[in-house]
């Protein structure tokens, strides 16, 4: 019964046009929602990249400071005497 009612409704030209417009509206809505989700995901990836760059720069600074440190107590005393700190 429902099938014949649905088929009879779709047989009319204005009903087909309305169904087509509804499908277009649904497609555009889904596209916009997917676009929003994609931009949120890209924003999170950009934020993660920024945090990673900051972390890497801090790590490089630590390695640079460690490469300039005195190797032994004698080197430390020499630097203190020379006023290297």
PDB file of N, CA and C in Angstrom:
ATOM      1  N   UNK A   1       0.802  -1.177   0.000  1.00  0.00           N
ATOM      2  CA  UNK A   1       0.000   0.000   0.000  1.00  0.00           C
ATOM      3  C   UNK A   1       0.865   1.270   0.000  1.00  0.00           C
ATOM      4  N   UNK A   2       1.866   1.284   0.878  1.00  0.00           N
ATOM      5  CA  UNK A   2       2.744   2.457   0.923  1.00  0.00           C
ATOM      6  C   UNK A   2       3.537   2.605  -0.362  1.00  0.00           C
ATOM      7  N   UNK A   3       3.912   1.479  -0.938  1.00  0.00           N
ATOM      8  CA  UNK A   3       4.686   1.528  -2.182  1.00  0.00           C
ATOM      9  C   UNK A   3       3.873   2.143  -3.301  1.00  0.00           C
ATOM     10  N   UNK A   4       2.627   1.774  -3.398  1.00  0.00           N
ATOM     11  CA  UNK A   4       1.799   2.342  -4.474  1.00  0.00           C
ATOM     12  C   UNK A   4       1.535   3.830  -4.224  1.00  0.00           C
ATOM     13  N   UNK A   5       1.377   4.238  -2.965  1.00  0.00           N
ATOM     14  CA  UNK A   5       1.180   5.647  -2.655  1.00  0.00           C
ATOM     15  C   UNK A   5       2.440   6.446  -2.978  1.00  0.00           C
ATOM     16  N   UNK A   6       3.599   5.900  -2.605  1.00  0.00           N
ATOM     17  CA  UNK A   6       4.868   6.559  -2.885  1.00  0.00           C
ATOM     18  C   UNK A   6       5.109   6.633  -4.384  1.00  0.00           C
ATOM     19  N   UNK A   7       4.864   5.545  -5.092  1.00  0.00           N
ATOM     20  CA  UNK A   7       5.045   5.539  -6.546  1.00  0.00           C
ATOM     21  C   UNK A   7       4.084   6.513  -7.210  1.00  0.00           C
ATOM     22  N   UNK A   8       2.871   6.619  -6.731  1.00  0.00           N
ATOM     23  CA  UNK A   8       1.903   7.570  -7.288  1.00  0.00           C
ATOM     24  C   UNK A   8       2.321   9.001  -7.029  1.00  0.00           C
ATOM     25  N   UNK A   9       2.926   9.269  -5.864  1.00  0.00           N
ATOM     26  CA  UNK A   9       3.384  10.620  -5.539  1.00  0.00           C
ATOM     27  C   UNK A   9       4.581  11.030  -6.357  1.00  0.00           C
ATOM     28  N   UNK A  10       5.488  10.097  -6.594  1.00  0.00           N
ATOM     29  CA  UNK A  10       6.703  10.391  -7.352  1.00  0.00           C
ATOM     30  C   UNK A  10       6.393  10.505  -8.854  1.00  0.00           C
ATOM     31  N   UNK A  11       5.284   9.946  -9.291  1.00  0.00           N
ATOM     32  CA  UNK A  11       4.928   9.992 -10.714  1.00  0.00           C
ATOM     33  C   UNK A  11       4.577  11.407 -11.153  1.00  0.00           C
ATOM     34  N   UNK A  12       4.238  12.259 -10.251  1.00  0.00           N
ATOM     35  CA  UNK A  12       3.866  13.624 -10.623  1.00  0.00           C
ATOM     36  C   UNK A  12       5.129  14.464 -10.826  1.00  0.00           C
ATOM     37  N   UNK A  13       5.132  15.325 -11.821  1.00  0.00           N
ATOM     38  CA  UNK A  13       6.337  16.119 -12.129  1.00  0.00           C
ATOM     39  C   UNK A  13       6.745  17.047 -10.991  1.00  0.00           C
ATOM     40  N   UNK A  14       5.803  17.693 -10.326  1.00  0.00           N
ATOM     41  CA  UNK A  14       6.186  18.611  -9.259  1.00  0.00           C
ATOM     42  C   UNK A  14       6.745  17.858  -8.065  1.00  0.00           C
ATOM     43  N   UNK A  15       6.288  16.607  -7.841  1.00  0.00           N
ATOM     44  CA  UNK A  15       6.808  15.803  -6.730  1.00  0.00           C
ATOM     45  C   UNK A  15       8.245  15.377  -7.021  1.00  0.00           C
ATOM     46  N   UNK A  16       8.523  15.050  -8.272  1.00  0.00           N
ATOM     47  CA  UNK A  16       9.906  14.691  -8.641  1.00  0.00           C
ATOM     48  C   UNK A  16      10.823  15.892  -8.483  1.00  0.00           C
ATOM     49  N   UNK A  17      10.327  17.048  -8.851  1.00  0.00           N
ATOM     50  CA  UNK A  17      11.132  18.267  -8.717  1.00  0.00           C
ATOM     51  C   UNK A  17      11.421  18.565  -7.244  1.00  0.00           C
ATOM     52  N   UNK A  18      10.416  18.421  -6.385  1.00  0.00           N
ATOM     53  CA  UNK A  18      10.605  18.643  -4.945  1.00  0.00           C
ATOM     54  C   UNK A  18      11.582  17.623  -4.378  1.00  0.00           C
ATOM     55  N   UNK A  19      11.458  16.365  -4.793  1.00  0.00           N
ATOM     56  CA  UNK A  19      12.381  15.329  -4.309  1.00  0.00           C
ATOM     57  C   UNK A  19      13.804  15.634  -4.764  1.00  0.00           C
ATOM     58  N   UNK A  20      13.950  16.093  -5.989  1.00  0.00           N
ATOM     59  CA  UNK A  20      15.282  16.461  -6.488  1.00  0.00           C
ATOM     60  C   UNK A  20      15.876  17.620  -5.713  1.00  0.00           C
ATOM     61  N   UNK A  21      15.072  18.634  -5.432  1.00  0.00           N
ATOM     62  CA  UNK A  21      15.553  19.778  -4.651  1.00  0.00           C
ATOM     63  C   UNK A  21      15.921  19.373  -3.228  1.00  0.00           C
ATOM     64  N   UNK A  22      15.139  18.459  -2.664  1.00  0.00           N
ATOM     65  CA  UNK A  22      15.469  17.972  -1.316  1.00  0.00           C
ATOM     66  C   UNK A  22      16.786  17.217  -1.321  1.00  0.00           C
ATOM     67  N   UNK A  23      17.024  16.424  -2.359  1.00  0.00           N
ATOM     68  CA  UNK A  23      18.298  15.713  -2.454  1.00  0.00           C
ATOM     69  C   UNK A  23      19.468  16.681  -2.625  1.00  0.00           C
ATOM     70  N   UNK A  24      19.275  17.722  -3.413  1.00  0.00           N
ATOM     71  CA  UNK A  24      20.319  18.739  -3.583  1.00  0.00           C
ATOM     72  C   UNK A  24      20.595  19.430  -2.247  1.00  0.00           C
ATOM     73  N   UNK A  25      19.535  19.793  -1.525  1.00  0.00           N
ATOM     74  CA  UNK A  25      19.712  20.452  -0.222  1.00  0.00           C
ATOM     75  C   UNK A  25      20.427  19.527   0.764  1.00  0.00           C
ATOM     76  N   UNK A  26      20.069  18.253   0.760  1.00  0.00           N
ATOM     77  CA  UNK A  26      20.729  17.292   1.646  1.00  0.00           C
ATOM     78  C   UNK A  26      22.206  17.141   1.280  1.00  0.00           C
ATOM     79  N   UNK A  27      22.505  17.097   0.002  1.00  0.00           N
ATOM     80  CA  UNK A  27      23.891  16.971  -0.456  1.00  0.00           C
ATOM     81  C   UNK A  27      24.717  18.183  -0.038  1.00  0.00           C
ATOM     82  N   UNK A  28      24.168  19.370  -0.215  1.00  0.00           N
ATOM     83  CA  UNK A  28      24.896  20.592   0.164  1.00  0.00           C
ATOM     84  C   UNK A  28      25.107  20.641   1.670  1.00  0.00           C
ATOM     85  N   UNK A  29      24.102  20.255   2.447  1.00  0.00           N
ATOM     86  CA  UNK A  29      24.228  20.244   3.907  1.00  0.00           C
ATOM     87  C   UNK A  29      25.310  19.283   4.360  1.00  0.00           C
ATOM     88  N   UNK A  30      25.322  18.091   3.796  1.00  0.00           N
ATOM     89  CA  UNK A  30      26.347  17.114   4.165  1.00  0.00           C
ATOM     90  C   UNK A  30      27.735  17.582   3.754  1.00  0.00           C
ATOM     91  N   UNK A  31      27.838  18.234   2.605  1.00  0.00           N
ATOM     92  CA  UNK A  31      29.130  18.766   2.161  1.00  0.00           C
ATOM     93  C   UNK A  31      29.639  19.824   3.128  1.00  0.00           C
ATOM     94  N   UNK A  32      28.761  20.721   3.552  1.00  0.00           N
ATOM     95  CA  UNK A  32      29.171  21.791   4.480  1.00  0.00           C
ATOM     96  C   UNK A  32      29.593  21.199   5.828  1.00  0.00           C
ATOM     97  N   UNK A  33      28.859  20.219   6.316  1.00  0.00           N
ATOM     98  CA  UNK A  33      29.235  19.587   7.584  1.00  0.00           C
ATOM     99  C   UNK A  33      30.579  18.877   7.476  1.00  0.00           C
ATOM    100  N   UNK A  34      30.814  18.209   6.355  1.00  0.00           N
ATOM    101  CA  UNK A  34      32.089  17.530   6.156  1.00  0.00           C
ATOM    102  C   UNK A  34      33.221  18.542   6.027  1.00  0.00           C
ATOM    103  N   UNK A  35      32.965  19.662   5.360  1.00  0.00           N
ATOM    104  CA  UNK A  35      33.968  20.712   5.217  1.00  0.00           C
ATOM    105  C   UNK A  35      34.332  21.283   6.585  1.00  0.00           C
ATOM    106  N   UNK A  36      33.355  21.466   7.436  1.00  0.00           N
ATOM    107  CA  UNK A  36      33.605  21.980   8.790  1.00  0.00           C
ATOM    108  C   UNK A  36      34.480  21.012   9.584  1.00  0.00           C
ATOM    109  N   UNK A  37      34.157  19.733   9.493  1.00  0.00           N
ATOM    110  CA  UNK A  37      34.947  18.731  10.216  1.00  0.00           C
ATOM    111  C   UNK A  37      36.382  18.673   9.693  1.00  0.00           C
ATOM    112  N   UNK A  38      36.537  18.816   8.392  1.00  0.00           N
ATOM    113  CA  UNK A  38      37.869  18.790   7.797  1.00  0.00           C
ATOM    114  C   UNK A  38      38.697  19.985   8.252  1.00  0.00           C
ATOM    115  N   UNK A  39      38.080  21.174   8.314  1.00  0.00           N
ATOM    116  CA  UNK A  39      38.834  22.348   8.763  1.00  0.00           C
ATOM    117  C   UNK A  39      39.200  22.237  10.246  1.00  0.00           C
ATOM    118  N   UNK A  40      38.337  21.655  11.052  1.00  0.00           N
ATOM    119  CA  UNK A  40      38.681  21.445  12.462  1.00  0.00           C
ATOM    120  C   UNK A  40      39.869  20.503  12.584  1.00  0.00           C
ATOM    121  N   UNK A  41      39.867  19.451  11.784  1.00  0.00           N
ATOM    122  CA  UNK A  41      40.970  18.495  11.806  1.00  0.00           C
ATOM    123  C   UNK A  41      42.275  19.156  11.352  1.00  0.00           C
ATOM    124  N   UNK A  42      42.197  20.006  10.341  1.00  0.00           N
ATOM    125  CA  UNK A  42      43.389  20.711   9.858  1.00  0.00           C
ATOM    126  C   UNK A  42      43.889  21.692  10.914  1.00  0.00           C
ATOM    127  N   UNK A  43      42.973  22.339  11.619  1.00  0.00           N
ATOM    128  CA  UNK A  43      43.375  23.252  12.689  1.00  0.00           C
ATOM    129  C   UNK A  43      44.092  22.535  13.815  1.00  0.00           C
ATOM    130  N   UNK A  44      43.590  21.363  14.171  1.00  0.00           N
ATOM    131  CA  UNK A  44      44.265  20.583  15.223  1.00  0.00           C
ATOM    132  C   UNK A  44      45.649  20.130  14.765  1.00  0.00           C
ATOM    133  N   UNK A  45      45.780  19.763  13.508  1.00  0.00           N
ATOM    134  CA  UNK A  45      47.087  19.346  12.984  1.00  0.00           C
ATOM    135  C   UNK A  45      48.064  20.517  12.983  1.00  0.00           C
ATOM    136  N   UNK A  46      47.592  21.713  12.629  1.00  0.00           N
ATOM    137  CA  UNK A  46      48.460  22.899  12.635  1.00  0.00           C
ATOM    138  C   UNK A  46      48.898  23.240  14.059  1.00  0.00           C
ATOM    139  N   UNK A  47      47.982  23.120  15.011  1.00  0.00           N
ATOM    140  CA  UNK A  47      48.341  23.388  16.408  1.00  0.00           C
ATOM    141  C   UNK A  47      49.369  22.376  16.914  1.00  0.00           C
ATOM    142  N   UNK A  48      49.179  21.107  16.542  1.00  0.00           N
ATOM    143  CA  UNK A  48      50.137  20.079  16.931  1.00  0.00           C
ATOM    144  C   UNK A  48      51.515  20.358  16.328  1.00  0.00           C
ATOM    145  N   UNK A  49      51.549  20.829  15.084  1.00  0.00           N
ATOM    146  CA  UNK A  49      52.816  21.158  14.435  1.00  0.00           C
ATOM    147  C   UNK A  49      53.496  22.327  15.134  1.00  0.00           C
ATOM    148  N   UNK A  50      52.728  23.343  15.530  1.00  0.00           N
ATOM    149  CA  UNK A  50      53.305  24.473  16.264  1.00  0.00           C
ATOM    150  C   UNK A  50      53.914  24.025  17.581  1.00  0.00           C
ATOM    151  N   UNK A  51      53.189  23.180  18.314  1.00  0.00           N
ATOM    152  CA  UNK A  51      53.727  22.673  19.589  1.00  0.00           C
ATOM    153  C   UNK A  51      54.996  21.855  19.361  1.00  0.00           C
ATOM    154  N   UNK A  52      55.021  21.074  18.294  1.00  0.00           N
ATOM    155  CA  UNK A  52      56.200  20.262  17.988  1.00  0.00           C
ATOM    156  C   UNK A  52      57.396  21.146  17.645  1.00  0.00           C
ATOM    157  N   UNK A  53      57.168  22.228  16.890  1.00  0.00           N
ATOM    158  CA  UNK A  53      58.264  23.144  16.554  1.00  0.00           C
ATOM    159  C   UNK A  53      58.817  23.821  17.800  1.00  0.00           C
ATOM    160  N   UNK A  54      57.939  24.239  18.706  1.00  0.00           N
ATOM    161  CA  UNK A  54      58.395  24.864  19.957  1.00  0.00           C
ATOM    162  C   UNK A  54      59.205  23.869  20.773  1.00  0.00           C
ATOM    163  N   UNK A  55      58.716  22.649  20.857  1.00  0.00           N
ATOM    164  CA  UNK A  55      59.421  21.611  21.607  1.00  0.00           C
ATOM    165  C   UNK A  55      60.788  21.325  20.993  1.00  0.00           C
ATOM    166  N   UNK A  56      60.844  21.276  19.680  1.00  0.00           N
ATOM    167  CA  UNK A  56      62.123  21.025  19.018  1.00  0.00           C
ATOM    168  C   UNK A  56      63.115  22.165  19.236  1.00  0.00           C
ATOM    169  N   UNK A  57      62.630  23.404  19.218  1.00  0.00           N
ATOM    170  CA  UNK A  57      63.549  24.527  19.434  1.00  0.00           C
ATOM    171  C   UNK A  57      64.090  24.512  20.867  1.00  0.00           C
ATOM    172  N   UNK A  58      63.246  24.178  21.835  1.00  0.00           N
ATOM    173  CA  UNK A  58      63.710  24.078  23.221  1.00  0.00           C
ATOM    174  C   UNK A  58      64.727  22.954  23.353  1.00  0.00           C
ATOM    175  N   UNK A  59      64.467  21.847  22.687  1.00  0.00           N
ATOM    176  CA  UNK A  59      65.403  20.713  22.727  1.00  0.00           C
ATOM    177  C   UNK A  59      66.740  21.103  22.095  1.00  0.00           C
ATOM    178  N   UNK A  60      66.699  21.838  20.977  1.00  0.00           N
ATOM    179  CA  UNK A  60      67.946  22.294  20.347  1.00  0.00           C
ATOM    180  C   UNK A  60      68.715  23.225  21.270  1.00  0.00           C
ATOM    181  N   UNK A  61      68.015  24.124  21.982  1.00  0.00           N
ATOM    182  CA  UNK A  61      68.680  25.022  22.924  1.00  0.00           C
ATOM    183  C   UNK A  61      69.341  24.237  24.047  1.00  0.00           C
ATOM    184  N   UNK A  62      68.673  23.213  24.522  1.00  0.00           N
ATOM    185  CA  UNK A  62      69.249  22.385  25.583  1.00  0.00           C
ATOM    186  C   UNK A  62      70.493  21.658  25.096  1.00  0.00           C
ATOM    187  N   UNK A  63      70.445  21.132  23.881  1.00  0.00           N
ATOM    188  CA  UNK A  63      71.615  20.449  23.340  1.00  0.00           C
ATOM    189  C   UNK A  63      72.773  21.417  23.113  1.00  0.00           C
ATOM    190  N   UNK A  64      72.454  22.636  22.663  1.00  0.00           N
ATOM    191  CA  UNK A  64      73.492  23.645  22.459  1.00  0.00           C
ATOM    192  C   UNK A  64      74.142  24.012  23.789  1.00  0.00           C
ATOM    193  N   UNK A  65      73.333  24.190  24.832  1.00  0.00           N
ATOM    194  CA  UNK A  65      73.873  24.516  26.157  1.00  0.00           C
ATOM    195  C   UNK A  65      74.706  23.354  26.689  1.00  0.00           C
ATOM    196  N   UNK A  66      74.278  22.129  26.440  1.00  0.00           N
ATOM    197  CA  UNK A  66      75.036  20.972  26.919  1.00  0.00           C
ATOM    198  C   UNK A  66      76.358  20.839  26.179  1.00  0.00           C
ATOM    199  N   UNK A  67      76.415  21.269  24.927  1.00  0.00           N
ATOM    200  CA  UNK A  67      77.680  21.151  24.184  1.00  0.00           C
ATOM    201  C   UNK A  67      78.705  22.166  24.670  1.00  0.00           C
ATOM    202  N   UNK A  68      78.250  23.259  25.322  1.00  0.00           N
ATOM    203  CA  UNK A  68      79.170  24.285  25.810  1.00  0.00           C
ATOM    204  C   UNK A  68      79.507  24.131  27.284  1.00  0.00           C
ATOM    205  N   UNK A  69      79.020  23.103  27.923  1.00  0.00           N
ATOM    206  CA  UNK A  69      79.270  22.966  29.360  1.00  0.00           C
ATOM    207  C   UNK A  69      80.704  22.483  29.617  1.00  0.00           C
ATOM    208  N   UNK A  70      81.204  22.752  30.822  1.00  0.00           N
ATOM    209  CA  UNK A  70      82.545  22.258  31.170  1.00  0.00           C
ATOM    210  C   UNK A  70      82.542  20.730  31.260  1.00  0.00           C
ATOM    211  N   UNK A  71      83.629  20.115  30.805  1.00  0.00           N
ATOM    212  CA  UNK A  71      83.705  18.654  30.756  1.00  0.00           C
ATOM    213  C   UNK A  71      84.124  18.035  32.098  1.00  0.00           C
ATOM    214  N   UNK A  72      84.876  18.765  32.877  1.00  0.00           N
ATOM    215  CA  UNK A  72      85.332  18.213  34.157  1.00  0.00           C
ATOM    216  C   UNK A  72      85.331  19.329  35.206  1.00  0.00           C
ATOM    217  N   UNK A  73      85.669  18.949  36.428  1.00  0.00           N
ATOM    218  CA  UNK A  73      85.732  19.951  37.502  1.00  0.00           C
ATOM    219  C   UNK A  73      86.858  20.951  37.257  1.00  0.00           C
ATOM    220  N   UNK A  74      87.945  20.459  36.692  1.00  0.00           N
ATOM    221  CA  UNK A  74      89.056  21.363  36.399  1.00  0.00           C
ATOM    222  C   UNK A  74      88.638  22.413  35.365  1.00  0.00           C
ATOM    223  N   UNK A  75      87.905  21.984  34.332  1.00  0.00           N
ATOM    224  CA  UNK A  75      87.426  22.940  33.337  1.00  0.00           C
ATOM    225  C   UNK A  75      86.458  23.942  33.970  1.00  0.00           C
ATOM    226  N   UNK A  76      85.654  23.477  34.900  1.00  0.00           N
ATOM    227  CA  UNK A  76      84.726  24.367  35.591  1.00  0.00           C
ATOM    228  C   UNK A  76      85.490  25.401  36.414  1.00  0.00           C
ATOM    229  N   UNK A  77      86.518  24.957  37.130  1.00  0.00           N
ATOM    230  CA  UNK A  77      87.314  25.893  37.925  1.00  0.00           C
ATOM    231  C   UNK A  77      88.010  26.906  37.037  1.00  0.00           C
ATOM    232  N   UNK A  78      88.539  26.450  35.916  1.00  0.00           N
ATOM    233  CA  UNK A  78      89.210  27.366  34.982  1.00  0.00           C
ATOM    234  C   UNK A  78      88.225  28.424  34.461  1.00  0.00           C
ATOM    235  N   UNK A  79      87.027  28.014  34.131  1.00  0.00           N
ATOM    236  CA  UNK A  79      86.036  28.967  33.628  1.00  0.00           C
ATOM    237  C   UNK A  79      85.610  29.942  34.714  1.00  0.00           C
ATOM    238  N   UNK A  80      85.487  29.446  35.952  1.00  0.00           N
ATOM    239  CA  UNK A  80      85.147  30.338  37.044  1.00  0.00           C
ATOM    240  C   UNK A  80      86.260  31.355  37.306  1.00  0.00           C
ATOM    241  N   UNK A  81      87.495  30.911  37.231  1.00  0.00           N
ATOM    242  CA  UNK A  81      88.631  31.804  37.452  1.00  0.00           C
ATOM    243  C   UNK A  81      88.758  32.848  36.344  1.00  0.00           C
ATOM    244  N   UNK A  82      88.475  32.433  35.136  1.00  0.00           N
ATOM    245  CA  UNK A  82      88.569  33.349  33.995  1.00  0.00           C
ATOM    246  C   UNK A  82      87.354  34.272  33.883  1.00  0.00           C
ATOM    247  N   UNK A  83      86.316  33.978  34.635  1.00  0.00           N
ATOM    248  CA  UNK A  83      85.093  34.781  34.578  1.00  0.00           C
ATOM    249  C   UNK A  83      84.244  34.425  33.373  1.00  0.00           C
ATOM    250  N   UNK A  84      84.268  33.159  32.950  1.00  0.00           N
ATOM    251  CA  UNK A  84      83.529  32.719  31.778  1.00  0.00           C
ATOM    252  C   UNK A  84      82.050  32.566  31.994  1.00  0.00           C
ATOM    253  N   UNK A  85      81.613  32.639  33.233  1.00  0.00           N
ATOM    254  CA  UNK A  85      80.168  32.480  33.487  1.00  0.00           C
ATOM    255  C   UNK A  85      79.523  33.803  33.555  1.00  0.00           C
TER     256      UNK A  85
END
